[in-house]
C-alpha atoms as a PDB file:
ATOM      1  CA  MET A   1      -2.962 -34.567  17.840  1.00  0.00           C
ATOM      2  CA  ASN A   2      -4.199 -31.217  19.055  1.00  0.00           C
ATOM      3  CA  LEU A   3      -6.016 -28.529  17.110  1.00  0.00           C
ATOM      4  CA  ILE A   4      -2.994 -26.315  16.406  1.00  0.00           C
ATOM      5  CA  THR A   5      -0.990 -29.198  14.935  1.00  0.00           C
ATOM      6  CA  THR A   6      -3.940 -30.179  12.751  1.00  0.00           C
ATOM      7  CA  ILE A   7      -4.375 -26.620  11.479  1.00  0.00           C
ATOM      8  CA  LEU A   8      -0.638 -26.315  10.758  1.00  0.00           C
ATOM      9  CA  LEU A   9      -0.635 -29.611   8.838  1.00  0.00           C
ATOM     10  CA  ILE A  10      -3.696 -28.683   6.788  1.00  0.00           C
ATOM     11  CA  THR A  11      -2.402 -25.205   5.910  1.00  0.00           C
ATOM     12  CA  SER A  12       1.065 -26.543   5.055  1.00  0.00           C
ATOM     13  CA  ALA A  13      -0.351 -29.299   2.833  1.00  0.00           C
ATOM     14  CA  LEU A  14      -2.693 -26.849   1.127  1.00  0.00           C
ATOM     15  CA  SER A  15       0.147 -24.363   0.543  1.00  0.00           C
ATOM     16  CA  VAL A  16       2.408 -27.017  -0.985  1.00  0.00           C
ATOM     17  CA  LEU A  17      -0.445 -28.326  -3.140  1.00  0.00           C
ATOM     18  CA  LEU A  18      -1.285 -24.845  -4.436  1.00  0.00           C
ATOM     19  CA  ALA A  19       2.387 -24.101  -5.133  1.00  0.00           C
ATOM     20  CA  PHE A  20       2.743 -27.268  -7.241  1.00  0.00           C
ATOM     21  CA  VAL A  21      -0.508 -26.571  -9.091  1.00  0.00           C
ATOM     22  CA  SER A  22       0.597 -23.018  -9.860  1.00  0.00           C
ATOM     23  CA  PHE A  23       3.759 -24.347 -11.538  1.00  0.00           C
ATOM     24  CA  TRP A  24       2.007 -27.013 -13.606  1.00  0.00           C
ATOM     25  CA  LEU A  25      -1.274 -25.334 -14.513  1.00  0.00           C
ATOM     26  CA  PRO A  26      -0.384 -22.075 -16.321  1.00  0.00           C
ATOM     27  CA  GLN A  27      -0.262 -22.136 -20.104  1.00  0.00           C
ATOM     28  CA  MET A  28       2.716 -20.291 -21.509  1.00  0.00           C
ATOM     29  CA  HIS A  29       2.160 -18.527 -24.819  1.00  0.00           C
ATOM     30  CA  PRO A  30       5.118 -16.165 -25.213  1.00  0.00           C
ATOM     31  CA  ASN A  31       4.955 -13.468 -27.873  1.00  0.00           C
ATOM     32  CA  THR A  32       7.095 -10.445 -28.713  1.00  0.00           C
ATOM     33  CA  GLU A  33       5.106  -8.221 -26.368  1.00  0.00           C
ATOM     34  CA  LYS A  34       5.591 -10.551 -23.416  1.00  0.00           C
ATOM     35  CA  LEU A  35       9.241 -11.195 -24.187  1.00  0.00           C
ATOM     36  CA  SER A  36      10.098  -7.496 -24.264  1.00  0.00           C
ATOM     37  CA  PRO A  37      11.951  -6.283 -21.145  1.00  0.00           C
ATOM     38  CA  TYR A  38       9.223  -3.762 -20.199  1.00  0.00           C
ATOM     39  CA  GLU A  39       5.532  -4.506 -19.851  1.00  0.00           C
ATOM     40  CA  CYS A  40       4.603  -1.265 -18.125  1.00  0.00           C
ATOM     41  CA  GLY A  41       3.682   0.884 -21.120  1.00  0.00           C
ATOM     42  CA  PHE A  42       6.981   2.724 -21.433  1.00  0.00           C
ATOM     43  CA  ASP A  43       8.865   2.599 -24.711  1.00  0.00           C
ATOM     44  CA  PRO A  44      11.545  -0.102 -24.297  1.00  0.00           C
ATOM     45  CA  LEU A  45      13.622   1.324 -27.134  1.00  0.00           C
ATOM     46  CA  GLY A  46      13.953   4.829 -25.702  1.00  0.00           C
ATOM     47  CA  SER A  47      16.546   6.170 -23.330  1.00  0.00           C
ATOM     48  CA  ALA A  48      16.641   4.775 -19.811  1.00  0.00           C
ATOM     49  CA  ARG A  49      17.677   8.186 -18.467  1.00  0.00           C
ATOM     50  CA  LEU A  50      14.429  10.050 -19.141  1.00  0.00           C
ATOM     51  CA  PRO A  51      13.327  12.348 -16.316  1.00  0.00           C
ATOM     52  CA  PHE A  52      10.674  10.819 -14.104  1.00  0.00           C
ATOM     53  CA  SER A  53       7.689  12.917 -13.089  1.00  0.00           C
ATOM     54  CA  LEU A  54       7.823  14.108  -9.503  1.00  0.00           C
ATOM     55  CA  ARG A  55       4.033  13.869  -9.328  1.00  0.00           C
ATOM     56  CA  PHE A  56       4.357  10.101  -8.890  1.00  0.00           C
ATOM     57  CA  PHE A  57       6.569  10.683  -5.859  1.00  0.00           C
ATOM     58  CA  LEU A  58       4.070  13.185  -4.438  1.00  0.00           C
ATOM     59  CA  VAL A  59       1.263  10.648  -4.704  1.00  0.00           C
ATOM     60  CA  ALA A  60       3.461   8.008  -3.048  1.00  0.00           C
ATOM     61  CA  ILE A  61       4.385  10.349  -0.188  1.00  0.00           C
ATOM     62  CA  LEU A  62       0.742  11.319   0.351  1.00  0.00           C
ATOM     63  CA  PHE A  63      -0.223   7.650   0.384  1.00  0.00           C
ATOM     64  CA  LEU A  64       2.457   6.894   2.989  1.00  0.00           C
ATOM     65  CA  LEU A  65       1.403   9.880   5.070  1.00  0.00           C
ATOM     66  CA  PHE A  66      -2.238   8.852   5.225  1.00  0.00           C
ATOM     67  CA  ASP A  67      -1.285   5.215   5.668  1.00  0.00           C
ATOM     68  CA  LEU A  68       0.732   6.199   8.739  1.00  0.00           C
ATOM     69  CA  GLU A  69      -2.232   8.221   9.940  1.00  0.00           C
ATOM     70  CA  ILE A  70      -4.368   5.095   9.872  1.00  0.00           C
ATOM     71  CA  ALA A  71      -1.652   3.195  11.737  1.00  0.00           C
ATOM     72  CA  LEU A  72      -1.585   5.905  14.411  1.00  0.00           C
ATOM     73  CA  LEU A  73      -5.360   5.963  14.780  1.00  0.00           C
ATOM     74  CA  LEU A  74      -5.861   2.193  14.702  1.00  0.00           C
ATOM     75  CA  PRO A  75      -5.616   1.678  18.501  1.00  0.00           C
ATOM     76  CA  LEU A  76      -8.158   4.461  19.107  1.00  0.00           C
ATOM     77  CA  PRO A  77     -11.202   2.179  19.720  1.00  0.00           C
ATOM     78  CA  TRP A  78      -9.268   0.278  22.396  1.00  0.00           C
ATOM     79  CA  ALA A  79      -8.206   3.542  24.011  1.00  0.00           C
ATOM     80  CA  ASN A  80     -11.772   4.030  25.244  1.00  0.00           C
ATOM     81  CA  GLN A  81     -10.930   1.527  27.976  1.00  0.00           C
ATOM     82  CA  LEU A  82      -8.236   3.813  29.423  1.00  0.00           C
ATOM     83  CA  ALA A  83      -8.739   5.832  32.581  1.00  0.00           C
ATOM     84  CA  ASN A  84      -8.822   9.157  30.692  1.00  0.00           C
ATOM     85  CA  PRO A  85     -10.274   8.631  27.185  1.00  0.00           C
ATOM     86  CA  THR A  86     -10.731  12.369  26.597  1.00  0.00           C
ATOM     87  CA  LEU A  87      -6.950  12.848  26.499  1.00  0.00           C
ATOM     88  CA  THR A  88      -6.692  10.125  23.861  1.00  0.00           C
ATOM     89  CA  LEU A  89      -9.483  11.759  21.868  1.00  0.00           C
ATOM     90  CA  PHE A  90      -7.654  15.091  22.112  1.00  0.00           C
ATOM     91  CA  TRP A  91      -4.415  13.650  20.681  1.00  0.00           C
ATOM     92  CA  ALA A  92      -6.253  11.800  17.915  1.00  0.00           C
ATOM     93  CA  THR A  93      -8.087  14.997  16.988  1.00  0.00           C
ATOM     94  CA  THR A  94      -4.772  16.891  17.012  1.00  0.00           C
ATOM     95  CA  ILE A  95      -3.251  14.396  14.573  1.00  0.00           C
ATOM     96  CA  LEU A  96      -6.273  14.615  12.272  1.00  0.00           C
ATOM     97  CA  VAL A  97      -6.323  18.433  12.372  1.00  0.00           C
ATOM     98  CA  LEU A  98      -2.596  18.670  11.555  1.00  0.00           C
ATOM     99  CA  LEU A  99      -2.921  16.262   8.649  1.00  0.00           C
ATOM    100  CA  THR A 100      -6.014  18.055   7.356  1.00  0.00           C
ATOM    101  CA  LEU A 101      -4.240  21.418   7.524  1.00  0.00           C
ATOM    102  CA  GLY A 102      -1.298  19.952   5.611  1.00  0.00           C
ATOM    103  CA  LEU A 103      -3.641  18.561   2.968  1.00  0.00           C
ATOM    104  CA  VAL A 104      -5.432  21.908   2.612  1.00  0.00           C
ATOM    105  CA  TYR A 105      -2.065  23.685   2.292  1.00  0.00           C
ATOM    106  CA  GLU A 106      -0.960  21.287  -0.468  1.00  0.00           C
ATOM    107  CA  TRP A 107      -4.282  21.747  -2.209  1.00  0.00           C
ATOM    108  CA  ILE A 108      -4.035  25.557  -2.095  1.00  0.00           C
ATOM    109  CA  GLN A 109      -0.412  25.502  -3.334  1.00  0.00           C
ATOM    110  CA  GLY A 110      -1.483  23.354  -6.313  1.00  0.00           C
ATOM    111  CA  GLY A 111       0.596  20.348  -5.331  1.00  0.00           C
ATOM    112  CA  LEU A 112      -2.292  17.976  -5.942  1.00  0.00           C
ATOM    113  CA  GLU A 113      -2.978  19.148  -9.495  1.00  0.00           C
ATOM    114  CA  TRP A 114      -1.825  16.442 -11.865  1.00  0.00           C
ATOM    115  CA  ALA A 115      -1.739  18.514 -15.060  1.00  0.00           C
ATOM    116  CA  GLU A 116      -0.848  22.175 -15.077  1.00  0.00           C
END
């Protein structure tokens, strides 16, 4: 048996063992709070058609934007091995400058203020 087969067997056995333990081990103590359809802090008896704050969407979009920035800049350390690393540094700096200018613009416009 080679090393890869051994590792696959050990990880599979451990995963199955942990899955069975997670079904048998937890203690269930249901109460009215846990049995209610919402556990997120919203009133479960109110209307389901209440307007949702657009600030949450702004935070989500900003998170995605900066998450994509990290994904674009992740290969940058390996780009030093290229024939022309200054070109790579130029494009990485361009991306960072554009994102920083967008963030400053949002900040000046008041889009990052949570309460007005």
